[in-house]
Amino acid sequence: MENTAGTGKELLEFERTYFERLRLAAQVIIEAAPDLELVTGPLEAELQIFKERVEFLLLLPEYAADVLPWRKMLNGEQPPGKP
């Protein structure tokens, strides 16, 4: 089965890699935060929410069409900031 960006059913390989890297980056920051005291409570909560949203899109890629700007453009929407 071939993945197509227009269907919104599955993630393309580069999209999966993109989300996995975002998830890993959030996890590294969250794990380093208590040791380095770089992240405040609200920021840590936002990072956790961000990480969970990325994991959600990895598990249920059919919702990626509503989130990814390039998928929106492939589905006929105008790019942000363009009339």
N, C-alpha and C. Protein backbone atom coordinates (compact mmCIF):
# COMPACT_ATOMS: atom_id res chain seq x y z
N MET A 1 0.84 -1.18 0.00
CA MET A 1 0.00 0.00 0.00
C MET A 1 0.88 1.24 0.00
N GLU A 2 0.62 2.14 -0.89
CA GLU A 2 1.42 3.36 -1.01
C GLU A 2 0.80 4.47 -0.19
N ASN A 3 1.65 5.20 0.54
CA ASN A 3 1.18 6.33 1.33
C ASN A 3 0.96 7.53 0.42
N THR A 4 -0.15 8.21 0.61
CA THR A 4 -0.39 9.44 -0.12
C THR A 4 -0.73 10.53 0.87
N ALA A 5 -0.13 11.69 0.69
CA ALA A 5 -0.33 12.80 1.62
C ALA A 5 -1.75 13.33 1.56
N GLY A 6 -2.40 13.22 0.42
CA GLY A 6 -3.74 13.74 0.27
C GLY A 6 -4.79 12.98 1.05
N THR A 7 -4.60 11.70 1.31
CA THR A 7 -5.62 10.91 1.98
C THR A 7 -5.66 11.19 3.47
N GLY A 8 -4.55 11.54 4.08
CA GLY A 8 -4.51 11.79 5.51
C GLY A 8 -4.59 10.53 6.34
N LYS A 9 -4.47 9.36 5.73
CA LYS A 9 -4.61 8.11 6.46
C LYS A 9 -3.31 7.65 7.10
N GLU A 10 -2.19 7.87 6.46
CA GLU A 10 -0.92 7.40 6.99
C GLU A 10 0.12 8.49 6.87
N LEU A 11 1.14 8.40 7.72
CA LEU A 11 2.23 9.36 7.66
C LEU A 11 3.25 8.91 6.63
N LEU A 12 3.78 9.88 5.92
CA LEU A 12 4.89 9.60 5.04
C LEU A 12 6.13 9.38 5.88
N GLU A 13 7.15 8.79 5.31
CA GLU A 13 8.36 8.47 6.08
C GLU A 13 8.98 9.73 6.69
N PHE A 14 9.06 10.82 5.91
CA PHE A 14 9.67 12.04 6.45
C PHE A 14 8.81 12.65 7.56
N GLU A 15 7.48 12.49 7.48
CA GLU A 15 6.60 13.00 8.52
C GLU A 15 6.78 12.20 9.82
N ARG A 16 6.87 10.90 9.70
CA ARG A 16 7.09 10.05 10.87
C ARG A 16 8.41 10.41 11.54
N THR A 17 9.47 10.60 10.72
CA THR A 17 10.77 10.98 11.26
C THR A 17 10.68 12.34 11.96
N TYR A 18 9.98 13.27 11.35
CA TYR A 18 9.78 14.61 11.91
C TYR A 18 9.12 14.52 13.29
N PHE A 19 8.03 13.75 13.39
CA PHE A 19 7.33 13.61 14.66
C PHE A 19 8.17 12.87 15.70
N GLU A 20 8.89 11.86 15.28
CA GLU A 20 9.72 11.12 16.23
C GLU A 20 10.83 12.01 16.79
N ARG A 21 11.39 12.87 15.97
CA ARG A 21 12.42 13.80 16.46
C ARG A 21 11.82 14.84 17.40
N LEU A 22 10.64 15.34 17.09
CA LEU A 22 9.98 16.29 17.98
C LEU A 22 9.69 15.65 19.33
N ARG A 23 9.19 14.41 19.31
CA ARG A 23 8.90 13.70 20.54
C ARG A 23 10.16 13.50 21.36
N LEU A 24 11.23 13.09 20.71
CA LEU A 24 12.50 12.87 21.40
C LEU A 24 13.04 14.18 21.99
N ALA A 25 12.95 15.27 21.24
CA ALA A 25 13.43 16.55 21.75
C ALA A 25 12.66 16.97 22.99
N ALA A 26 11.35 16.83 22.96
CA ALA A 26 10.55 17.18 24.14
C ALA A 26 10.91 16.29 25.32
N GLN A 27 11.10 15.00 25.07
CA GLN A 27 11.45 14.08 26.15
C GLN A 27 12.80 14.42 26.77
N VAL A 28 13.77 14.77 25.94
CA VAL A 28 15.11 15.13 26.45
C VAL A 28 15.02 16.37 27.33
N ILE A 29 14.26 17.37 26.89
CA ILE A 29 14.12 18.60 27.68
C ILE A 29 13.42 18.30 29.00
N ILE A 30 12.35 17.51 28.96
CA ILE A 30 11.61 17.17 30.17
C ILE A 30 12.50 16.41 31.15
N GLU A 31 13.27 15.46 30.66
CA GLU A 31 14.13 14.67 31.54
C GLU A 31 15.29 15.49 32.10
N ALA A 32 15.79 16.46 31.34
CA ALA A 32 16.91 17.28 31.79
C ALA A 32 16.47 18.41 32.71
N ALA A 33 15.20 18.78 32.65
CA ALA A 33 14.70 19.93 33.39
C ALA A 33 14.93 19.85 34.90
N PRO A 34 14.61 18.74 35.57
CA PRO A 34 14.81 18.73 37.03
C PRO A 34 16.27 18.91 37.42
N ASP A 35 17.18 18.36 36.63
CA ASP A 35 18.60 18.47 36.95
C ASP A 35 19.14 19.88 36.71
N LEU A 36 18.69 20.49 35.64
CA LEU A 36 19.23 21.79 35.25
C LEU A 36 18.39 22.96 35.74
N GLU A 37 17.21 22.69 36.21
CA GLU A 37 16.27 23.72 36.65
C GLU A 37 16.06 24.79 35.58
N LEU A 38 15.97 24.34 34.34
CA LEU A 38 15.75 25.26 33.22
C LEU A 38 14.28 25.49 32.94
N VAL A 39 13.46 24.56 33.35
CA VAL A 39 12.07 24.59 32.95
C VAL A 39 11.19 24.84 34.18
N THR A 40 10.33 25.84 34.07
CA THR A 40 9.39 26.11 35.15
C THR A 40 8.21 25.15 35.06
N GLY A 41 7.39 25.12 36.06
CA GLY A 41 6.22 24.23 36.08
C GLY A 41 5.32 24.39 34.86
N PRO A 42 4.88 25.61 34.51
CA PRO A 42 4.01 25.77 33.35
C PRO A 42 4.69 25.35 32.04
N LEU A 43 5.96 25.65 31.91
CA LEU A 43 6.66 25.26 30.68
C LEU A 43 6.80 23.74 30.60
N GLU A 44 7.07 23.11 31.73
CA GLU A 44 7.16 21.65 31.74
C GLU A 44 5.82 21.02 31.37
N ALA A 45 4.74 21.61 31.86
CA ALA A 45 3.40 21.11 31.52
C ALA A 45 3.14 21.26 30.02
N GLU A 46 3.52 22.40 29.45
CA GLU A 46 3.33 22.61 28.01
C GLU A 46 4.17 21.64 27.19
N LEU A 47 5.38 21.37 27.63
CA LEU A 47 6.23 20.39 26.93
C LEU A 47 5.60 19.00 26.98
N GLN A 48 5.04 18.65 28.12
CA GLN A 48 4.39 17.35 28.25
C GLN A 48 3.19 17.25 27.32
N ILE A 49 2.39 18.31 27.26
CA ILE A 49 1.24 18.34 26.35
C ILE A 49 1.70 18.23 24.90
N PHE A 50 2.75 18.97 24.55
CA PHE A 50 3.29 18.92 23.19
C PHE A 50 3.74 17.49 22.85
N LYS A 51 4.47 16.87 23.78
CA LYS A 51 4.96 15.51 23.56
C LYS A 51 3.79 14.54 23.37
N GLU A 52 2.75 14.70 24.17
CA GLU A 52 1.58 13.82 24.05
C GLU A 52 0.86 14.03 22.72
N ARG A 53 0.79 15.27 22.25
CA ARG A 53 0.16 15.53 20.94
C ARG A 53 0.94 14.89 19.81
N VAL A 54 2.26 14.96 19.89
CA VAL A 54 3.10 14.33 18.87
C VAL A 54 2.91 12.82 18.90
N GLU A 55 2.89 12.24 20.10
CA GLU A 55 2.67 10.79 20.22
C GLU A 55 1.30 10.40 19.67
N PHE A 56 0.30 11.25 19.89
CA PHE A 56 -1.04 11.01 19.36
C PHE A 56 -1.02 10.93 17.84
N LEU A 57 -0.31 11.86 17.21
CA LEU A 57 -0.24 11.87 15.75
C LEU A 57 0.55 10.68 15.23
N LEU A 58 1.52 10.19 15.98
CA LEU A 58 2.24 8.99 15.57
C LEU A 58 1.34 7.76 15.66
N LEU A 59 0.48 7.73 16.66
CA LEU A 59 -0.41 6.58 16.84
C LEU A 59 -1.63 6.64 15.92
N LEU A 60 -2.15 7.84 15.69
CA LEU A 60 -3.34 8.03 14.86
C LEU A 60 -3.05 9.03 13.75
N PRO A 61 -2.32 8.62 12.73
CA PRO A 61 -1.88 9.56 11.69
C PRO A 61 -3.00 10.17 10.85
N GLU A 62 -4.21 9.62 10.92
CA GLU A 62 -5.29 10.20 10.11
C GLU A 62 -5.62 11.62 10.53
N TYR A 63 -5.23 12.03 11.74
CA TYR A 63 -5.47 13.39 12.20
C TYR A 63 -4.37 14.36 11.76
N ALA A 64 -3.33 13.86 11.13
CA ALA A 64 -2.22 14.72 10.71
C ALA A 64 -2.65 15.74 9.66
N ALA A 65 -3.64 15.41 8.86
CA ALA A 65 -4.10 16.34 7.82
C ALA A 65 -4.64 17.63 8.41
N ASP A 66 -5.12 17.57 9.65
CA ASP A 66 -5.66 18.76 10.31
C ASP A 66 -4.58 19.61 10.97
N VAL A 67 -3.36 19.07 11.09
CA VAL A 67 -2.31 19.72 11.85
C VAL A 67 -1.14 20.18 10.98
N LEU A 68 -0.75 19.36 10.04
CA LEU A 68 0.44 19.65 9.23
C LEU A 68 0.13 20.67 8.14
N PRO A 69 0.87 21.79 8.10
CA PRO A 69 0.57 22.82 7.11
C PRO A 69 0.72 22.34 5.67
N TRP A 70 1.69 21.48 5.39
CA TRP A 70 1.87 21.02 4.01
C TRP A 70 0.73 20.10 3.58
N ARG A 71 0.14 19.38 4.52
CA ARG A 71 -1.02 18.54 4.19
C ARG A 71 -2.23 19.42 3.90
N LYS A 72 -2.38 20.49 4.66
CA LYS A 72 -3.49 21.41 4.42
C LYS A 72 -3.38 22.01 3.03
N MET A 73 -2.16 22.38 2.62
CA MET A 73 -1.96 22.97 1.30
C MET A 73 -2.23 21.94 0.21
N LEU A 74 -1.85 20.69 0.43
CA LEU A 74 -2.13 19.64 -0.55
C LEU A 74 -3.63 19.39 -0.69
N ASN A 75 -4.37 19.68 0.38
CA ASN A 75 -5.82 19.51 0.34
C ASN A 75 -6.54 20.75 -0.17
N GLY A 76 -5.79 21.75 -0.66
CA GLY A 76 -6.38 22.90 -1.31
C GLY A 76 -6.48 24.17 -0.48
N GLU A 77 -6.05 24.13 0.77
CA GLU A 77 -6.11 25.35 1.59
C GLU A 77 -4.98 26.29 1.22
N GLN A 78 -5.22 27.58 1.42
CA GLN A 78 -4.20 28.59 1.15
C GLN A 78 -3.16 28.59 2.27
N PRO A 79 -1.90 28.88 1.95
CA PRO A 79 -0.88 28.97 3.01
C PRO A 79 -1.18 30.12 3.96
N PRO A 80 -0.75 30.00 5.22
CA PRO A 80 -0.99 31.08 6.17
C PRO A 80 -0.37 32.38 5.70
N GLY A 81 -1.09 33.47 5.88
CA GLY A 81 -0.57 34.78 5.52
C GLY A 81 -0.73 35.14 4.05
N LYS A 82 -1.29 34.24 3.27
CA LYS A 82 -1.53 34.52 1.84
C LYS A 82 -3.02 34.74 1.63
N PRO A 83 -3.39 35.86 0.99
CA PRO A 83 -4.83 36.11 0.74
C PRO A 83 -5.39 35.19 -0.32
